[in-house]
Amino acid sequence: MTQLIFLPHEEICPEGAVIEVEPGVTICDAALKHGIEVEHACEKSCACTTCHVVIREGFDSLDEAEETEEDMLDKAWGLEPESRLSCQAVVRDQDLVIELPKYTINMVSETH
């Protein structure tokens, strides 16, 4: 099992969270399965940036982002070199420390 350590986020995960997942699942699917409500306005089809996360530790264990993901990330708020779309980043066998950015470019959020 791989540990995903979510850093505290004021609205989505105020206390932070540590979850264990099987390798092969996306960060977004793992988070949602464990009650961490990561936005995913495009239904995880790599057509928006609402599921943008920053991988603070373990980034190099992920497969490289494909060109479509890179193009979408260019539009993300708070883009960093370790940014990924959580719907595209597949967990491997190395633990990850994940930061959920404070903002997204989503104009309408169904949870607010």
PDB file of N, CA and C in Angstrom:
ATOM      1  N   MET A   1       0.839  -1.188   0.000  1.00  0.00           N
ATOM      2  CA  MET A   1       0.000   0.000   0.000  1.00  0.00           C
ATOM      3  C   MET A   1       0.884   1.252   0.000  1.00  0.00           C
ATOM      4  N   THR A   2       0.391   2.262  -0.666  1.00  0.00           N
ATOM      5  CA  THR A   2       1.091   3.543  -0.758  1.00  0.00           C
ATOM      6  C   THR A   2       0.339   4.568   0.073  1.00  0.00           C
ATOM      7  N   GLN A   3       1.079   5.383   0.805  1.00  0.00           N
ATOM      8  CA  GLN A   3       0.455   6.438   1.596  1.00  0.00           C
ATOM      9  C   GLN A   3       0.361   7.720   0.791  1.00  0.00           C
ATOM     10  N   LEU A   4      -0.817   8.333   0.830  1.00  0.00           N
ATOM     11  CA  LEU A   4      -1.014   9.661   0.280  1.00  0.00           C
ATOM     12  C   LEU A   4      -1.266  10.580   1.468  1.00  0.00           C
ATOM     13  N   ILE A   5      -0.410  11.545   1.633  1.00  0.00           N
ATOM     14  CA  ILE A   5      -0.498  12.477   2.756  1.00  0.00           C
ATOM     15  C   ILE A   5      -0.982  13.808   2.203  1.00  0.00           C
ATOM     16  N   PHE A   6      -2.208  14.172   2.551  1.00  0.00           N
ATOM     17  CA  PHE A   6      -2.788  15.431   2.102  1.00  0.00           C
ATOM     18  C   PHE A   6      -2.536  16.487   3.160  1.00  0.00           C
ATOM     19  N   LEU A   7      -1.877  17.560   2.767  1.00  0.00           N
ATOM     20  CA  LEU A   7      -1.639  18.666   3.677  1.00  0.00           C
ATOM     21  C   LEU A   7      -2.966  19.375   3.968  1.00  0.00           C
ATOM     22  N   PRO A   8      -3.071  20.023   5.123  1.00  0.00           N
ATOM     23  CA  PRO A   8      -4.332  20.699   5.452  1.00  0.00           C
ATOM     24  C   PRO A   8      -4.735  21.739   4.396  1.00  0.00           C
ATOM     25  N   HIS A   9      -6.033  21.766   4.111  1.00  0.00           N
ATOM     26  CA  HIS A   9      -6.632  22.749   3.212  1.00  0.00           C
ATOM     27  C   HIS A   9      -7.839  23.320   3.950  1.00  0.00           C
ATOM     28  N   GLU A  10      -7.928  24.621   4.008  1.00  0.00           N
ATOM     29  CA  GLU A  10      -8.933  25.307   4.819  1.00  0.00           C
ATOM     30  C   GLU A  10     -10.351  24.767   4.632  1.00  0.00           C
ATOM     31  N   GLU A  11     -10.753  24.482   3.406  1.00  0.00           N
ATOM     32  CA  GLU A  11     -12.132  24.060   3.140  1.00  0.00           C
ATOM     33  C   GLU A  11     -12.275  22.571   2.874  1.00  0.00           C
ATOM     34  N   ILE A  12     -11.384  22.006   2.103  1.00  0.00           N
ATOM     35  CA  ILE A  12     -11.554  20.629   1.638  1.00  0.00           C
ATOM     36  C   ILE A  12     -11.112  19.598   2.668  1.00  0.00           C
ATOM     37  N   CYS A  13     -10.033  19.905   3.367  1.00  0.00           N
ATOM     38  CA  CYS A  13      -9.427  18.924   4.274  1.00  0.00           C
ATOM     39  C   CYS A  13      -8.725  19.664   5.422  1.00  0.00           C
ATOM     40  N   PRO A  14      -9.496  20.304   6.319  1.00  0.00           N
ATOM     41  CA  PRO A  14      -8.914  21.201   7.322  1.00  0.00           C
ATOM     42  C   PRO A  14      -7.851  20.561   8.218  1.00  0.00           C
ATOM     43  N   GLU A  15      -7.980  19.293   8.510  1.00  0.00           N
ATOM     44  CA  GLU A  15      -7.030  18.619   9.393  1.00  0.00           C
ATOM     45  C   GLU A  15      -5.907  17.920   8.629  1.00  0.00           C
ATOM     46  N   GLY A  16      -5.983  17.957   7.293  1.00  0.00           N
ATOM     47  CA  GLY A  16      -5.074  17.129   6.517  1.00  0.00           C
ATOM     48  C   GLY A  16      -5.566  15.686   6.594  1.00  0.00           C
ATOM     49  N   ALA A  17      -4.918  14.793   5.882  1.00  0.00           N
ATOM     50  CA  ALA A  17      -5.331  13.389   5.903  1.00  0.00           C
ATOM     51  C   ALA A  17      -4.191  12.506   5.423  1.00  0.00           C
ATOM     52  N   VAL A  18      -4.184  11.298   5.946  1.00  0.00           N
ATOM     53  CA  VAL A  18      -3.261  10.272   5.478  1.00  0.00           C
ATOM     54  C   VAL A  18      -4.123   9.081   5.088  1.00  0.00           C
ATOM     55  N   ILE A  19      -4.014   8.673   3.825  1.00  0.00           N
ATOM     56  CA  ILE A  19      -4.776   7.522   3.351  1.00  0.00           C
ATOM     57  C   ILE A  19      -3.826   6.514   2.729  1.00  0.00           C
ATOM     58  N   GLU A  20      -4.239   5.271   2.704  1.00  0.00           N
ATOM     59  CA  GLU A  20      -3.458   4.218   2.059  1.00  0.00           C
ATOM     60  C   GLU A  20      -4.231   3.693   0.868  1.00  0.00           C
ATOM     61  N   VAL A  21      -3.532   3.571  -0.256  1.00  0.00           N
ATOM     62  CA  VAL A  21      -4.171   3.132  -1.497  1.00  0.00           C
ATOM     63  C   VAL A  21      -3.285   2.117  -2.206  1.00  0.00           C
ATOM     64  N   GLU A  22      -3.925   1.344  -3.058  1.00  0.00           N
ATOM     65  CA  GLU A  22      -3.193   0.423  -3.920  1.00  0.00           C
ATOM     66  C   GLU A  22      -2.586   1.204  -5.078  1.00  0.00           C
ATOM     67  N   PRO A  23      -1.367   0.918  -5.473  1.00  0.00           N
ATOM     68  CA  PRO A  23      -0.807   1.546  -6.670  1.00  0.00           C
ATOM     69  C   PRO A  23      -1.709   1.292  -7.880  1.00  0.00           C
ATOM     70  N   GLY A  24      -1.734   2.258  -8.797  1.00  0.00           N
ATOM     71  CA  GLY A  24      -2.529   2.122 -10.014  1.00  0.00           C
ATOM     72  C   GLY A  24      -3.766   2.985 -10.044  1.00  0.00           C
ATOM     73  N   VAL A  25      -4.122   3.606  -8.931  1.00  0.00           N
ATOM     74  CA  VAL A  25      -5.282   4.485  -8.857  1.00  0.00           C
ATOM     75  C   VAL A  25      -4.819   5.930  -9.025  1.00  0.00           C
ATOM     76  N   THR A  26      -5.680   6.790  -9.572  1.00  0.00           N
ATOM     77  CA  THR A  26      -5.299   8.192  -9.673  1.00  0.00           C
ATOM     78  C   THR A  26      -5.431   8.868  -8.302  1.00  0.00           C
ATOM     79  N   ILE A  27      -4.700   9.942  -8.136  1.00  0.00           N
ATOM     80  CA  ILE A  27      -4.785  10.696  -6.886  1.00  0.00           C
ATOM     81  C   ILE A  27      -6.217  11.174  -6.656  1.00  0.00           C
ATOM     82  N   CYS A  28      -6.879  11.641  -7.696  1.00  0.00           N
ATOM     83  CA  CYS A  28      -8.250  12.136  -7.578  1.00  0.00           C
ATOM     84  C   CYS A  28      -9.192  11.032  -7.116  1.00  0.00           C
ATOM     85  N   ASP A  29      -9.143   9.877  -7.762  1.00  0.00           N
ATOM     86  CA  ASP A  29     -10.024   8.771  -7.372  1.00  0.00           C
ATOM     87  C   ASP A  29      -9.757   8.324  -5.938  1.00  0.00           C
ATOM     88  N   ALA A  30      -8.489   8.270  -5.552  1.00  0.00           N
ATOM     89  CA  ALA A  30      -8.137   7.866  -4.186  1.00  0.00           C
ATOM     90  C   ALA A  30      -8.699   8.864  -3.184  1.00  0.00           C
ATOM     91  N   ALA A  31      -8.532  10.161  -3.463  1.00  0.00           N
ATOM     92  CA  ALA A  31      -9.030  11.189  -2.556  1.00  0.00           C
ATOM     93  C   ALA A  31     -10.545  11.105  -2.414  1.00  0.00           C
ATOM     94  N   LEU A  32     -11.237  11.035  -3.542  1.00  0.00           N
ATOM     95  CA  LEU A  32     -12.697  10.980  -3.510  1.00  0.00           C
ATOM     96  C   LEU A  32     -13.201   9.744  -2.755  1.00  0.00           C
ATOM     97  N   LYS A  33     -12.556   8.624  -2.958  1.00  0.00           N
ATOM     98  CA  LYS A  33     -12.955   7.385  -2.277  1.00  0.00           C
ATOM     99  C   LYS A  33     -12.827   7.516  -0.762  1.00  0.00           C
ATOM    100  N   HIS A  34     -11.904   8.358  -0.314  1.00  0.00           N
ATOM    101  CA  HIS A  34     -11.669   8.526   1.117  1.00  0.00           C
ATOM    102  C   HIS A  34     -12.287   9.823   1.666  1.00  0.00           C
ATOM    103  N   GLY A  35     -13.243  10.403   0.935  1.00  0.00           N
ATOM    104  CA  GLY A  35     -13.988  11.545   1.443  1.00  0.00           C
ATOM    105  C   GLY A  35     -13.304  12.885   1.308  1.00  0.00           C
ATOM    106  N   ILE A  36     -12.239  12.955   0.537  1.00  0.00           N
ATOM    107  CA  ILE A  36     -11.564  14.230   0.291  1.00  0.00           C
ATOM    108  C   ILE A  36     -12.120  14.759  -1.031  1.00  0.00           C
ATOM    109  N   GLU A  37     -12.960  15.770  -0.954  1.00  0.00           N
ATOM    110  CA  GLU A  37     -13.740  16.225  -2.098  1.00  0.00           C
ATOM    111  C   GLU A  37     -12.948  17.125  -3.041  1.00  0.00           C
ATOM    112  N   VAL A  38     -12.025  16.531  -3.763  1.00  0.00           N
ATOM    113  CA  VAL A  38     -11.258  17.249  -4.777  1.00  0.00           C
ATOM    114  C   VAL A  38     -12.218  17.611  -5.916  1.00  0.00           C
ATOM    115  N   GLU A  39     -12.188  18.876  -6.322  1.00  0.00           N
ATOM    116  CA  GLU A  39     -13.040  19.284  -7.444  1.00  0.00           C
ATOM    117  C   GLU A  39     -12.602  18.558  -8.712  1.00  0.00           C
ATOM    118  N   HIS A  40     -13.562  18.268  -9.566  1.00  0.00           N
ATOM    119  CA  HIS A  40     -13.275  17.614 -10.851  1.00  0.00           C
ATOM    120  C   HIS A  40     -14.407  17.941 -11.822  1.00  0.00           C
ATOM    121  N   ALA A  41     -14.451  19.223 -12.210  1.00  0.00           N
ATOM    122  CA  ALA A  41     -15.558  19.745 -13.006  1.00  0.00           C
ATOM    123  C   ALA A  41     -15.742  19.033 -14.346  1.00  0.00           C
ATOM    124  N   CYS A  42     -14.674  18.495 -14.917  1.00  0.00           N
ATOM    125  CA  CYS A  42     -14.779  17.832 -16.226  1.00  0.00           C
ATOM    126  C   CYS A  42     -14.992  16.323 -16.080  1.00  0.00           C
ATOM    127  N   GLU A  43     -15.314  15.885 -14.866  1.00  0.00           N
ATOM    128  CA  GLU A  43     -15.524  14.457 -14.602  1.00  0.00           C
ATOM    129  C   GLU A  43     -14.278  13.631 -14.906  1.00  0.00           C
ATOM    130  N   LYS A  44     -13.114  14.207 -14.592  1.00  0.00           N
ATOM    131  CA  LYS A  44     -11.823  13.509 -14.677  1.00  0.00           C
ATOM    132  C   LYS A  44     -11.415  13.153 -16.104  1.00  0.00           C
ATOM    133  N   SER A  45     -11.744  14.042 -17.046  1.00  0.00           N
ATOM    134  CA  SER A  45     -11.419  13.771 -18.452  1.00  0.00           C
ATOM    135  C   SER A  45     -10.258  14.613 -18.977  1.00  0.00           C
ATOM    136  N   CYS A  46      -9.519  15.267 -18.079  1.00  0.00           N
ATOM    137  CA  CYS A  46      -8.368  16.097 -18.451  1.00  0.00           C
ATOM    138  C   CYS A  46      -8.780  17.261 -19.342  1.00  0.00           C
ATOM    139  N   ALA A  47      -9.951  17.860 -19.025  1.00  0.00           N
ATOM    140  CA  ALA A  47     -10.448  18.979 -19.817  1.00  0.00           C
ATOM    141  C   ALA A  47     -10.575  20.263 -18.997  1.00  0.00           C
ATOM    142  N   CYS A  48     -10.067  20.255 -17.759  1.00  0.00           N
ATOM    143  CA  CYS A  48     -10.092  21.458 -16.924  1.00  0.00           C
ATOM    144  C   CYS A  48      -8.913  21.366 -15.958  1.00  0.00           C
ATOM    145  N   THR A  49      -8.855  22.294 -15.016  1.00  0.00           N
ATOM    146  CA  THR A  49      -7.755  22.266 -14.044  1.00  0.00           C
ATOM    147  C   THR A  49      -8.257  22.251 -12.601  1.00  0.00           C
ATOM    148  N   THR A  50      -9.523  21.957 -12.392  1.00  0.00           N
ATOM    149  CA  THR A  50     -10.070  22.045 -11.039  1.00  0.00           C
ATOM    150  C   THR A  50      -9.500  21.000 -10.079  1.00  0.00           C
ATOM    151  N   CYS A  51      -8.914  19.945 -10.591  1.00  0.00           N
ATOM    152  CA  CYS A  51      -8.324  18.911  -9.725  1.00  0.00           C
ATOM    153  C   CYS A  51      -6.816  19.093  -9.557  1.00  0.00           C
ATOM    154  N   HIS A  52      -6.319  20.268  -9.906  1.00  0.00           N
ATOM    155  CA  HIS A  52      -4.887  20.585  -9.799  1.00  0.00           C
ATOM    156  C   HIS A  52      -4.395  20.376  -8.371  1.00  0.00           C
ATOM    157  N   VAL A  53      -3.268  19.691  -8.240  1.00  0.00           N
ATOM    158  CA  VAL A  53      -2.594  19.508  -6.952  1.00  0.00           C
ATOM    159  C   VAL A  53      -1.107  19.781  -7.139  1.00  0.00           C
ATOM    160  N   VAL A  54      -0.426  19.991  -6.021  1.00  0.00           N
ATOM    161  CA  VAL A  54       1.024  20.150  -6.047  1.00  0.00           C
ATOM    162  C   VAL A  54       1.604  18.990  -5.238  1.00  0.00           C
ATOM    163  N   ILE A  55       2.514  18.247  -5.856  1.00  0.00           N
ATOM    164  CA  ILE A  55       3.136  17.098  -5.199  1.00  0.00           C
ATOM    165  C   ILE A  55       4.381  17.600  -4.475  1.00  0.00           C
ATOM    166  N   ARG A  56       4.302  17.697  -3.162  1.00  0.00           N
ATOM    167  CA  ARG A  56       5.406  18.230  -2.361  1.00  0.00           C
ATOM    168  C   ARG A  56       6.506  17.193  -2.120  1.00  0.00           C
ATOM    169  N   GLU A  57       6.159  15.922  -2.086  1.00  0.00           N
ATOM    170  CA  GLU A  57       7.157  14.853  -1.971  1.00  0.00           C
ATOM    171  C   GLU A  57       6.698  13.672  -2.810  1.00  0.00           C
ATOM    172  N   GLY A  58       7.638  13.049  -3.516  1.00  0.00           N
ATOM    173  CA  GLY A  58       7.332  11.869  -4.316  1.00  0.00           C
ATOM    174  C   GLY A  58       7.020  12.163  -5.769  1.00  0.00           C
ATOM    175  N   PHE A  59       7.178  13.397  -6.204  1.00  0.00           N
ATOM    176  CA  PHE A  59       6.825  13.791  -7.567  1.00  0.00           C
ATOM    177  C   PHE A  59       7.505  12.908  -8.617  1.00  0.00           C
ATOM    178  N   ASP A  60       8.771  12.591  -8.409  1.00  0.00           N
ATOM    179  CA  ASP A  60       9.525  11.830  -9.413  1.00  0.00           C
ATOM    180  C   ASP A  60       9.051  10.384  -9.554  1.00  0.00           C
ATOM    181  N   SER A  61       8.239   9.901  -8.631  1.00  0.00           N
ATOM    182  CA  SER A  61       7.726   8.533  -8.738  1.00  0.00           C
ATOM    183  C   SER A  61       6.553   8.440  -9.714  1.00  0.00           C
ATOM    184  N   LEU A  62       5.980   9.591 -10.064  1.00  0.00           N
ATOM    185  CA  LEU A  62       4.839   9.602 -10.988  1.00  0.00           C
ATOM    186  C   LEU A  62       5.324   9.526 -12.429  1.00  0.00           C
ATOM    187  N   ASP A  63       4.496   8.924 -13.282  1.00  0.00           N
ATOM    188  CA  ASP A  63       4.797   8.957 -14.710  1.00  0.00           C
ATOM    189  C   ASP A  63       4.774  10.410 -15.171  1.00  0.00           C
ATOM    190  N   GLU A  64       5.512  10.703 -16.228  1.00  0.00           N
ATOM    191  CA  GLU A  64       5.511  12.062 -16.760  1.00  0.00           C
ATOM    192  C   GLU A  64       4.124  12.421 -17.271  1.00  0.00           C
ATOM    193  N   ALA A  65       3.779  13.694 -17.131  1.00  0.00           N
ATOM    194  CA  ALA A  65       2.501  14.184 -17.634  1.00  0.00           C
ATOM    195  C   ALA A  65       2.510  14.130 -19.156  1.00  0.00           C
ATOM    196  N   GLU A  66       1.356  13.770 -19.731  1.00  0.00           N
ATOM    197  CA  GLU A  66       1.225  13.784 -21.182  1.00  0.00           C
ATOM    198  C   GLU A  66       0.985  15.219 -21.646  1.00  0.00           C
ATOM    199  N   GLU A  67       1.133  15.445 -22.931  1.00  0.00           N
ATOM    200  CA  GLU A  67       1.035  16.789 -23.480  1.00  0.00           C
ATOM    201  C   GLU A  67      -0.315  17.441 -23.182  1.00  0.00           C
ATOM    202  N   THR A  68      -1.401  16.690 -23.244  1.00  0.00           N
ATOM    203  CA  THR A  68      -2.728  17.235 -22.954  1.00  0.00           C
ATOM    204  C   THR A  68      -2.794  17.776 -21.532  1.00  0.00           C
ATOM    205  N   GLU A  69      -2.247  17.014 -20.574  1.00  0.00           N
ATOM    206  CA  GLU A  69      -2.226  17.471 -19.191  1.00  0.00           C
ATOM    207  C   GLU A  69      -1.357  18.714 -19.039  1.00  0.00           C
ATOM    208  N   GLU A  70      -0.192  18.723 -19.672  1.00  0.00           N
ATOM    209  CA  GLU A  70       0.693  19.886 -19.604  1.00  0.00           C
ATOM    210  C   GLU A  70      -0.002  21.133 -20.141  1.00  0.00           C
ATOM    211  N   ASP A  71      -0.732  20.977 -21.245  1.00  0.00           N
ATOM    212  CA  ASP A  71      -1.454  22.109 -21.825  1.00  0.00           C
ATOM    213  C   ASP A  71      -2.510  22.639 -20.857  1.00  0.00           C
ATOM    214  N   MET A  72      -3.232  21.739 -20.191  1.00  0.00           N
ATOM    215  CA  MET A  72      -4.242  22.170 -19.226  1.00  0.00           C
ATOM    216  C   MET A  72      -3.589  22.825 -18.015  1.00  0.00           C
ATOM    217  N   LEU A  73      -2.493  22.269 -17.544  1.00  0.00           N
ATOM    218  CA  LEU A  73      -1.819  22.829 -16.368  1.00  0.00           C
ATOM    219  C   LEU A  73      -1.376  24.267 -16.591  1.00  0.00           C
ATOM    220  N   ASP A  74      -1.076  24.616 -17.835  1.00  0.00           N
ATOM    221  CA  ASP A  74      -0.686  25.998 -18.130  1.00  0.00           C
ATOM    222  C   ASP A  74      -1.764  26.993 -17.710  1.00  0.00           C
ATOM    223  N   LYS A  75      -3.005  26.532 -17.565  1.00  0.00           N
ATOM    224  CA  LYS A  75      -4.135  27.399 -17.204  1.00  0.00           C
ATOM    225  C   LYS A  75      -4.437  27.360 -15.704  1.00  0.00           C
ATOM    226  N   ALA A  76      -3.743  26.530 -14.953  1.00  0.00           N
ATOM    227  CA  ALA A  76      -4.051  26.343 -13.533  1.00  0.00           C
ATOM    228  C   ALA A  76      -3.605  27.525 -12.693  1.00  0.00           C
ATOM    229  N   TRP A  77      -4.389  27.821 -11.647  1.00  0.00           N
ATOM    230  CA  TRP A  77      -4.012  28.851 -10.685  1.00  0.00           C
ATOM    231  C   TRP A  77      -2.889  28.311  -9.817  1.00  0.00           C
ATOM    232  N   GLY A  78      -1.842  29.103  -9.608  1.00  0.00           N
ATOM    233  CA  GLY A  78      -0.767  28.706  -8.702  1.00  0.00           C
ATOM    234  C   GLY A  78       0.104  27.583  -9.226  1.00  0.00           C
ATOM    235  N   LEU A  79       0.296  27.528 -10.521  1.00  0.00           N
ATOM    236  CA  LEU A  79       1.101  26.473 -11.143  1.00  0.00           C
ATOM    237  C   LEU A  79       2.525  26.460 -10.580  1.00  0.00           C
ATOM    238  N   GLU A  80       3.020  25.271 -10.277  1.00  0.00           N
ATOM    239  CA  GLU A  80       4.387  25.076  -9.803  1.00  0.00           C
ATOM    240  C   GLU A  80       5.025  23.943 -10.596  1.00  0.00           C
ATOM    241  N   PRO A  81       6.348  23.807 -10.553  1.00  0.00           N
ATOM    242  CA  PRO A  81       7.000  22.723 -11.307  1.00  0.00           C
ATOM    243  C   PRO A  81       6.496  21.327 -10.915  1.00  0.00           C
ATOM    244  N   GLU A  82       6.011  21.179  -9.683  1.00  0.00           N
ATOM    245  CA  GLU A  82       5.525  19.876  -9.213  1.00  0.00           C
ATOM    246  C   GLU A  82       4.008  19.768  -9.281  1.00  0.00           C
ATOM    247  N   SER A  83       3.373  20.585 -10.119  1.00  0.00           N
ATOM    248  CA  SER A  83       1.920  20.540 -10.287  1.00  0.00           C
ATOM    249  C   SER A  83       1.522  19.367 -11.171  1.00  0.00           C
ATOM    250  N   ARG A  84       0.382  18.784 -10.832  1.00  0.00           N
ATOM    251  CA  ARG A  84      -0.223  17.732 -11.659  1.00  0.00           C
ATOM    252  C   ARG A  84      -1.740  17.863 -11.575  1.00  0.00           C
ATOM    253  N   LEU A  85      -2.422  17.325 -12.570  1.00  0.00           N
ATOM    254  CA  LEU A  85      -3.866  17.152 -12.470  1.00  0.00           C
ATOM    255  C   LEU A  85      -4.080  15.829 -11.753  1.00  0.00           C
ATOM    256  N   SER A  86      -4.800  15.876 -10.648  1.00  0.00           N
ATOM    257  CA  SER A  86      -4.935  14.650  -9.844  1.00  0.00           C
ATOM    258  C   SER A  86      -5.725  13.569 -10.560  1.00  0.00           C
ATOM    259  N   CYS A  87      -6.508  13.941 -11.583  1.00  0.00           N
ATOM    260  CA  CYS A  87      -7.246  12.922 -12.345  1.00  0.00           C
ATOM    261  C   CYS A  87      -6.343  12.164 -13.309  1.00  0.00           C
ATOM    262  N   GLN A  88      -5.138  12.678 -13.533  1.00  0.00           N
ATOM    263  CA  GLN A  88      -4.213  12.047 -14.476  1.00  0.00           C
ATOM    264  C   GLN A  88      -3.002  11.416 -13.794  1.00  0.00           C
ATOM    265  N   ALA A  89      -2.689  11.834 -12.587  1.00  0.00           N
ATOM    266  CA  ALA A  89      -1.503  11.347 -11.875  1.00  0.00           C
ATOM    267  C   ALA A  89      -1.819  10.015 -11.196  1.00  0.00           C
ATOM    268  N   VAL A  90      -1.172   8.966 -11.668  1.00  0.00           N
ATOM    269  CA  VAL A  90      -1.413   7.613 -11.155  1.00  0.00           C
ATOM    270  C   VAL A  90      -0.394   7.299 -10.065  1.00  0.00           C
ATOM    271  N   VAL A  91      -0.920   6.878  -8.916  1.00  0.00           N
ATOM    272  CA  VAL A  91      -0.080   6.530  -7.769  1.00  0.00           C
ATOM    273  C   VAL A  91       0.744   5.289  -8.096  1.00  0.00           C
ATOM    274  N   ARG A  92       2.000   5.320  -7.740  1.00  0.00           N
ATOM    275  CA  ARG A  92       2.880   4.154  -7.880  1.00  0.00           C
ATOM    276  C   ARG A  92       3.181   3.612  -6.487  1.00  0.00           C
ATOM    277  N   ASP A  93       4.394   3.166  -6.244  1.00  0.00           N
ATOM    278  CA  ASP A  93       4.700   2.534  -4.958  1.00  0.00           C
ATOM    279  C   ASP A  93       5.447   3.444  -3.989  1.00  0.00           C
ATOM    280  N   GLN A  94       5.548   4.729  -4.309  1.00  0.00           N
ATOM    281  CA  GLN A  94       6.214   5.671  -3.409  1.00  0.00           C
ATOM    282  C   GLN A  94       5.169   6.584  -2.773  1.00  0.00           C
ATOM    283  N   ASP A  95       5.309   6.809  -1.461  1.00  0.00           N
ATOM    284  CA  ASP A  95       4.405   7.701  -0.748  1.00  0.00           C
ATOM    285  C   ASP A  95       4.469   9.103  -1.348  1.00  0.00           C
ATOM    286  N   LEU A  96       3.347   9.818  -1.273  1.00  0.00           N
ATOM    287  CA  LEU A  96       3.249  11.166  -1.823  1.00  0.00           C
ATOM    288  C   LEU A  96       2.756  12.135  -0.753  1.00  0.00           C
ATOM    289  N   VAL A  97       3.294  13.335  -0.756  1.00  0.00           N
ATOM    290  CA  VAL A  97       2.778  14.437   0.049  1.00  0.00           C
ATOM    291  C   VAL A  97       2.131  15.403  -0.935  1.00  0.00           C
ATOM    292  N   ILE A  98       0.843  15.688  -0.717  1.00  0.00           N
ATOM    293  CA  ILE A  98       0.032  16.404  -1.704  1.00  0.00           C
ATOM    294  C   ILE A  98      -0.556  17.667  -1.084  1.00  0.00           C
ATOM    295  N   GLU A  99      -0.410  18.771  -1.808  1.00  0.00           N
ATOM    296  CA  GLU A  99      -1.035  20.025  -1.394  1.00  0.00           C
ATOM    297  C   GLU A  99      -2.173  20.349  -2.352  1.00  0.00           C
ATOM    298  N   LEU A 100      -3.327  20.652  -1.795  1.00  0.00           N
ATOM    299  CA  LEU A 100      -4.463  21.116  -2.583  1.00  0.00           C
ATOM    300  C   LEU A 100      -4.387  22.637  -2.636  1.00  0.00           C
ATOM    301  N   PRO A 101      -4.253  23.225  -3.831  1.00  0.00           N
ATOM    302  CA  PRO A 101      -4.144  24.683  -3.912  1.00  0.00           C
ATOM    303  C   PRO A 101      -5.365  25.378  -3.310  1.00  0.00           C
ATOM    304  N   LYS A 102      -5.146  26.586  -2.829  1.00  0.00           N
ATOM    305  CA  LYS A 102      -6.218  27.339  -2.183  1.00  0.00           C
ATOM    306  C   LYS A 102      -7.337  27.680  -3.159  1.00  0.00           C
ATOM    307  N   TYR A 103      -7.001  27.927  -4.418  1.00  0.00           N
ATOM    308  CA  TYR A 103      -7.993  28.350  -5.403  1.00  0.00           C
ATOM    309  C   TYR A 103      -7.955  27.447  -6.628  1.00  0.00           C
ATOM    310  N   THR A 104      -9.070  27.466  -7.368  1.00  0.00           N
ATOM    311  CA  THR A 104      -9.106  26.879  -8.709  1.00  0.00           C
ATOM    312  C   THR A 104      -9.668  27.952  -9.638  1.00  0.00           C
ATOM    313  N   ILE A 105      -9.655  27.683 -10.930  1.00  0.00           N
ATOM    314  CA  ILE A 105     -10.236  28.642 -11.866  1.00  0.00           C
ATOM    315  C   ILE A 105     -11.700  28.305 -12.141  1.00  0.00           C
ATOM    316  N   ASN A 106     -12.255  27.381 -11.390  1.00  0.00           N
ATOM    317  CA  ASN A 106     -13.651  27.007 -11.538  1.00  0.00           C
ATOM    318  C   ASN A 106     -14.533  28.188 -11.155  1.00  0.00           C
ATOM    319  N   MET A 107     -15.353  28.637 -12.087  1.00  0.00           N
ATOM    320  CA  MET A 107     -16.221  29.787 -11.829  1.00  0.00           C
ATOM    321  C   MET A 107     -17.422  29.412 -10.958  1.00  0.00           C
ATOM    322  N   VAL A 108     -17.865  28.166 -11.050  1.00  0.00           N
ATOM    323  CA  VAL A 108     -19.003  27.698 -10.273  1.00  0.00           C
ATOM    324  C   VAL A 108     -18.641  26.388  -9.632  1.00  0.00           C
ATOM    325  N   SER A 109     -18.795  26.317  -8.321  1.00  0.00           N
ATOM    326  CA  SER A 109     -18.512  25.076  -7.605  1.00  0.00           C
ATOM    327  C   SER A 109     -19.802  24.554  -7.015  1.00  0.00           C
ATOM    328  N   GLU A 110     -20.116  23.310  -7.271  1.00  0.00           N
ATOM    329  CA  GLU A 110     -21.358  22.739  -6.770  1.00  0.00           C
ATOM    330  C   GLU A 110     -21.365  22.595  -5.255  1.00  0.00           C
ATOM    331  N   THR A 111     -20.196  22.655  -4.616  1.00  0.00           N
ATOM    332  CA  THR A 111     -20.142  22.484  -3.172  1.00  0.00           C
ATOM    333  C   THR A 111     -20.220  23.802  -2.419  1.00  0.00           C
ATOM    334  N   HIS A 112     -20.291  24.939  -3.114  1.00  0.00           N
ATOM    335  CA  HIS A 112     -20.338  26.233  -2.425  1.00  0.00           C
ATOM    336  C   HIS A 112     -21.624  26.956  -2.696  1.00  0.00           C
TER     337      HIS A 112
END
